[in-house]
Amino acid sequence: MPILRLLTLSVCAFSLACGSGDKGRESDDRDDDEKASAAVNLDPSSITASEIALGDSIFHGLIGATSCQACHGPKGKSGAAAPDLTDTTWLHSDGSFPAIYKQIETGVMAPKQFSSMMPPFGGAPLTPEKHRAVAAYVYKLSHP
């Protein structure tokens, strides 16, 4: 029995010393995501037509596992659960491209006027490219 106990302690000590485990990997993944977000160009003049097309497809649920239109309406003009994205009134940001990008990232946990919240990234994993594309599409809805 003492040998089994010693072996168990050795394995645990090795695992801790080597950093094996999901916590370390999750932290590394978050660091990579934060670096990618920091490197994203959020100058609205850099938005391309192909990004807007990609953002449109994601917004309408044609790409990915979410559909922004389910809450914001098919044209972004307000559904039953979320505000109009085509006007100049912004409830949770100033409506700038960086602010929209950040709002998609953080979601809306405490809505000011609507009853349902928006999970971060609309509840779906978005690559930095797709995240920027959705933000570009939403920005262009209110900044034609």
C-alpha atoms as a PDB file:
ATOM      1  CA  MET A   1       0.000   0.000   0.000  1.00  0.00           C
ATOM      2  CA  PRO A   2       2.776   2.543   0.749  1.00  0.00           C
ATOM      3  CA  ILE A   3       4.180   2.033  -2.775  1.00  0.00           C
ATOM      4  CA  LEU A   4       0.782   2.795  -4.347  1.00  0.00           C
ATOM      5  CA  ARG A   5       0.430   5.915  -2.196  1.00  0.00           C
ATOM      6  CA  LEU A   6       3.954   7.044  -3.145  1.00  0.00           C
ATOM      7  CA  LEU A   7       3.223   6.427  -6.837  1.00  0.00           C
ATOM      8  CA  THR A   8      -0.019   8.409  -6.626  1.00  0.00           C
ATOM      9  CA  LEU A   9       1.725  11.334  -4.918  1.00  0.00           C
ATOM     10  CA  SER A  10       4.497  11.248  -7.508  1.00  0.00           C
ATOM     11  CA  VAL A  11       2.020  11.400 -10.406  1.00  0.00           C
ATOM     12  CA  CYS A  12       0.134  14.294  -8.767  1.00  0.00           C
ATOM     13  CA  ALA A  13       3.354  16.195  -8.093  1.00  0.00           C
ATOM     14  CA  PHE A  14       4.523  15.624 -11.666  1.00  0.00           C
ATOM     15  CA  SER A  15       1.202  16.848 -13.064  1.00  0.00           C
ATOM     16  CA  LEU A  16       1.323  20.019 -10.986  1.00  0.00           C
ATOM     17  CA  ALA A  17       4.978  20.696 -11.774  1.00  0.00           C
ATOM     18  CA  CYS A  18       4.528  20.180 -15.502  1.00  0.00           C
ATOM     19  CA  GLY A  19       1.343  22.215 -15.648  1.00  0.00           C
ATOM     20  CA  SER A  20      -0.686  19.454 -17.186  1.00  0.00           C
ATOM     21  CA  GLY A  21      -4.382  20.090 -16.932  1.00  0.00           C
ATOM     22  CA  ASP A  22      -7.006  22.114 -18.698  1.00  0.00           C
ATOM     23  CA  LYS A  23      -6.634  25.254 -16.586  1.00  0.00           C
ATOM     24  CA  GLY A  24      -3.264  26.105 -18.073  1.00  0.00           C
ATOM     25  CA  ARG A  25      -4.495  25.491 -21.602  1.00  0.00           C
ATOM     26  CA  GLU A  26      -7.638  27.569 -21.067  1.00  0.00           C
ATOM     27  CA  SER A  27      -5.519  30.446 -19.798  1.00  0.00           C
ATOM     28  CA  ASP A  28      -3.219  30.143 -22.810  1.00  0.00           C
ATOM     29  CA  ASP A  29      -6.251  30.093 -25.138  1.00  0.00           C
ATOM     30  CA  ARG A  30      -7.649  33.238 -23.499  1.00  0.00           C
ATOM     31  CA  ASP A  31      -4.286  34.954 -23.829  1.00  0.00           C
ATOM     32  CA  ASP A  32      -4.196  34.060 -27.531  1.00  0.00           C
ATOM     33  CA  ASP A  33      -7.769  35.365 -28.003  1.00  0.00           C
ATOM     34  CA  GLU A  34      -6.920  38.617 -26.205  1.00  0.00           C
ATOM     35  CA  LYS A  35      -3.816  39.085 -28.361  1.00  0.00           C
ATOM     36  CA  ALA A  36      -5.859  38.454 -31.506  1.00  0.00           C
ATOM     37  CA  SER A  37      -8.509  40.971 -30.405  1.00  0.00           C
ATOM     38  CA  ALA A  38      -5.869  43.580 -29.636  1.00  0.00           C
ATOM     39  CA  ALA A  39      -4.393  43.131 -33.137  1.00  0.00           C
ATOM     40  CA  VAL A  40      -7.726  43.669 -34.931  1.00  0.00           C
ATOM     41  CA  ASN A  41      -7.934  46.860 -36.973  1.00  0.00           C
ATOM     42  CA  LEU A  42     -11.087  48.670 -35.859  1.00  0.00           C
ATOM     43  CA  ASP A  43     -10.789  51.642 -38.191  1.00  0.00           C
ATOM     44  CA  PRO A  44     -14.145  51.763 -40.013  1.00  0.00           C
ATOM     45  CA  SER A  45     -12.430  52.894 -43.215  1.00  0.00           C
ATOM     46  CA  SER A  46     -10.744  49.461 -43.349  1.00  0.00           C
ATOM     47  CA  ILE A  47     -14.062  47.576 -43.666  1.00  0.00           C
ATOM     48  CA  THR A  48     -14.253  45.660 -46.940  1.00  0.00           C
ATOM     49  CA  ALA A  49     -17.215  44.523 -49.010  1.00  0.00           C
ATOM     50  CA  SER A  50     -16.207  40.885 -48.488  1.00  0.00           C
ATOM     51  CA  GLU A  51     -16.255  41.387 -44.702  1.00  0.00           C
ATOM     52  CA  ILE A  52     -19.720  42.890 -44.895  1.00  0.00           C
ATOM     53  CA  ALA A  53     -20.891  39.922 -46.989  1.00  0.00           C
ATOM     54  CA  LEU A  54     -19.400  37.468 -44.473  1.00  0.00           C
ATOM     55  CA  GLY A  55     -20.956  39.406 -41.577  1.00  0.00           C
ATOM     56  CA  ASP A  56     -24.323  39.371 -43.353  1.00  0.00           C
ATOM     57  CA  SER A  57     -24.132  35.574 -43.719  1.00  0.00           C
ATOM     58  CA  ILE A  58     -23.244  35.126 -40.049  1.00  0.00           C
ATOM     59  CA  PHE A  59     -25.921  37.612 -38.916  1.00  0.00           C
ATOM     60  CA  HIS A  60     -28.566  35.703 -40.867  1.00  0.00           C
ATOM     61  CA  GLY A  61     -27.439  32.286 -39.618  1.00  0.00           C
ATOM     62  CA  LEU A  62     -26.094  31.032 -42.938  1.00  0.00           C
ATOM     63  CA  ILE A  63     -22.634  30.502 -41.410  1.00  0.00           C
ATOM     64  CA  GLY A  64     -22.023  29.349 -37.874  1.00  0.00           C
ATOM     65  CA  ALA A  65     -24.213  28.271 -35.023  1.00  0.00           C
ATOM     66  CA  THR A  66     -26.068  31.488 -34.302  1.00  0.00           C
ATOM     67  CA  SER A  67     -28.514  33.823 -35.972  1.00  0.00           C
ATOM     68  CA  CYS A  68     -28.465  37.444 -34.865  1.00  0.00           C
ATOM     69  CA  GLN A  69     -31.628  38.041 -36.885  1.00  0.00           C
ATOM     70  CA  ALA A  70     -33.585  35.803 -34.515  1.00  0.00           C
ATOM     71  CA  CYS A  71     -33.534  38.632 -31.967  1.00  0.00           C
ATOM     72  CA  HIS A  72     -32.641  41.728 -34.015  1.00  0.00           C
ATOM     73  CA  GLY A  73     -34.954  40.957 -36.943  1.00  0.00           C
ATOM     74  CA  PRO A  74     -34.040  39.969 -40.502  1.00  0.00           C
ATOM     75  CA  LYS A  75     -33.026  43.491 -41.484  1.00  0.00           C
ATOM     76  CA  GLY A  76     -31.661  44.452 -38.054  1.00  0.00           C
ATOM     77  CA  LYS A  77     -34.656  46.738 -37.555  1.00  0.00           C
ATOM     78  CA  SER A  78     -35.579  45.262 -34.187  1.00  0.00           C
ATOM     79  CA  GLY A  79     -37.201  42.027 -33.361  1.00  0.00           C
ATOM     80  CA  ALA A  80     -39.267  41.227 -30.309  1.00  0.00           C
ATOM     81  CA  ALA A  81     -36.187  40.608 -28.169  1.00  0.00           C
ATOM     82  CA  ALA A  82     -33.515  43.104 -29.228  1.00  0.00           C
ATOM     83  CA  PRO A  83     -33.096  46.697 -30.411  1.00  0.00           C
ATOM     84  CA  ASP A  84     -32.936  48.217 -33.864  1.00  0.00           C
ATOM     85  CA  LEU A  85     -29.396  48.165 -35.253  1.00  0.00           C
ATOM     86  CA  THR A  86     -30.167  50.435 -38.207  1.00  0.00           C
ATOM     87  CA  ASP A  87     -30.819  53.711 -36.425  1.00  0.00           C
ATOM     88  CA  THR A  88     -28.534  56.063 -34.500  1.00  0.00           C
ATOM     89  CA  THR A  89     -29.825  55.105 -31.045  1.00  0.00           C
ATOM     90  CA  TRP A  90     -27.474  52.775 -29.183  1.00  0.00           C
ATOM     91  CA  LEU A  91     -28.510  51.459 -25.783  1.00  0.00           C
ATOM     92  CA  HIS A  92     -25.255  49.862 -24.642  1.00  0.00           C
ATOM     93  CA  SER A  93     -22.501  51.650 -26.559  1.00  0.00           C
ATOM     94  CA  ASP A  94     -21.809  54.714 -28.669  1.00  0.00           C
ATOM     95  CA  GLY A  95     -22.354  52.813 -31.950  1.00  0.00           C
ATOM     96  CA  SER A  96     -18.769  53.191 -33.135  1.00  0.00           C
ATOM     97  CA  PHE A  97     -17.064  50.286 -34.897  1.00  0.00           C
ATOM     98  CA  PRO A  98     -14.801  49.521 -31.881  1.00  0.00           C
ATOM     99  CA  ALA A  99     -17.790  49.742 -29.517  1.00  0.00           C
ATOM    100  CA  ILE A 100     -19.901  47.379 -31.631  1.00  0.00           C
ATOM    101  CA  TYR A 101     -16.969  44.951 -31.841  1.00  0.00           C
ATOM    102  CA  LYS A 102     -16.621  45.040 -28.040  1.00  0.00           C
ATOM    103  CA  GLN A 103     -20.393  44.696 -27.503  1.00  0.00           C
ATOM    104  CA  ILE A 104     -20.466  41.528 -29.588  1.00  0.00           C
ATOM    105  CA  GLU A 105     -17.543  40.213 -27.533  1.00  0.00           C
ATOM    106  CA  THR A 106     -19.070  40.952 -24.122  1.00  0.00           C
ATOM    107  CA  GLY A 107     -22.736  40.529 -24.978  1.00  0.00           C
ATOM    108  CA  VAL A 108     -25.487  42.297 -23.033  1.00  0.00           C
ATOM    109  CA  MET A 109     -26.081  40.764 -19.634  1.00  0.00           C
ATOM    110  CA  ALA A 110     -28.372  43.518 -18.318  1.00  0.00           C
ATOM    111  CA  PRO A 111     -30.552  44.822 -21.165  1.00  0.00           C
ATOM    112  CA  LYS A 112     -31.926  48.337 -20.687  1.00  0.00           C
ATOM    113  CA  GLN A 113     -35.142  47.961 -22.699  1.00  0.00           C
ATOM    114  CA  PHE A 114     -35.557  44.345 -23.762  1.00  0.00           C
ATOM    115  CA  SER A 115     -36.203  41.280 -21.671  1.00  0.00           C
ATOM    116  CA  SER A 116     -33.680  38.901 -23.167  1.00  0.00           C
ATOM    117  CA  MET A 117     -29.942  39.184 -22.807  1.00  0.00           C
ATOM    118  CA  MET A 118     -27.374  38.679 -25.550  1.00  0.00           C
ATOM    119  CA  PRO A 119     -24.671  36.155 -24.709  1.00  0.00           C
ATOM    120  CA  PRO A 120     -21.084  36.980 -25.644  1.00  0.00           C
ATOM    121  CA  PHE A 121     -20.517  36.444 -29.384  1.00  0.00           C
ATOM    122  CA  GLY A 122     -24.246  35.794 -29.750  1.00  0.00           C
ATOM    123  CA  GLY A 123     -23.729  32.457 -28.050  1.00  0.00           C
ATOM    124  CA  ALA A 124     -21.489  31.022 -30.764  1.00  0.00           C
ATOM    125  CA  PRO A 125     -17.741  30.727 -31.093  1.00  0.00           C
ATOM    126  CA  LEU A 126     -16.448  33.315 -33.547  1.00  0.00           C
ATOM    127  CA  THR A 127     -12.959  33.523 -34.936  1.00  0.00           C
ATOM    128  CA  PRO A 128     -11.439  37.022 -34.847  1.00  0.00           C
ATOM    129  CA  GLU A 129     -12.139  37.253 -38.604  1.00  0.00           C
ATOM    130  CA  LYS A 130     -15.835  36.379 -38.183  1.00  0.00           C
ATOM    131  CA  HIS A 131     -16.134  38.577 -35.098  1.00  0.00           C
ATOM    132  CA  ARG A 132     -14.829  41.575 -37.078  1.00  0.00           C
ATOM    133  CA  ALA A 133     -17.083  40.681 -40.030  1.00  0.00           C
ATOM    134  CA  VAL A 134     -20.236  40.680 -37.878  1.00  0.00           C
ATOM    135  CA  ALA A 135     -19.174  43.958 -36.265  1.00  0.00           C
ATOM    136  CA  ALA A 136     -18.527  45.437 -39.733  1.00  0.00           C
ATOM    137  CA  TYR A 137     -21.960  44.327 -40.954  1.00  0.00           C
ATOM    138  CA  VAL A 138     -23.742  45.756 -37.902  1.00  0.00           C
ATOM    139  CA  TYR A 139     -21.718  48.984 -38.160  1.00  0.00           C
ATOM    140  CA  LYS A 140     -22.715  49.374 -41.809  1.00  0.00           C
ATOM    141  CA  LEU A 141     -26.401  48.863 -40.938  1.00  0.00           C
ATOM    142  CA  SER A 142     -26.381  52.135 -39.000  1.00  0.00           C
ATOM    143  CA  HIS A 143     -23.605  53.909 -40.932  1.00  0.00           C
ATOM    144  CA  PRO A 144     -24.527  53.460 -44.612  1.00  0.00           C
END
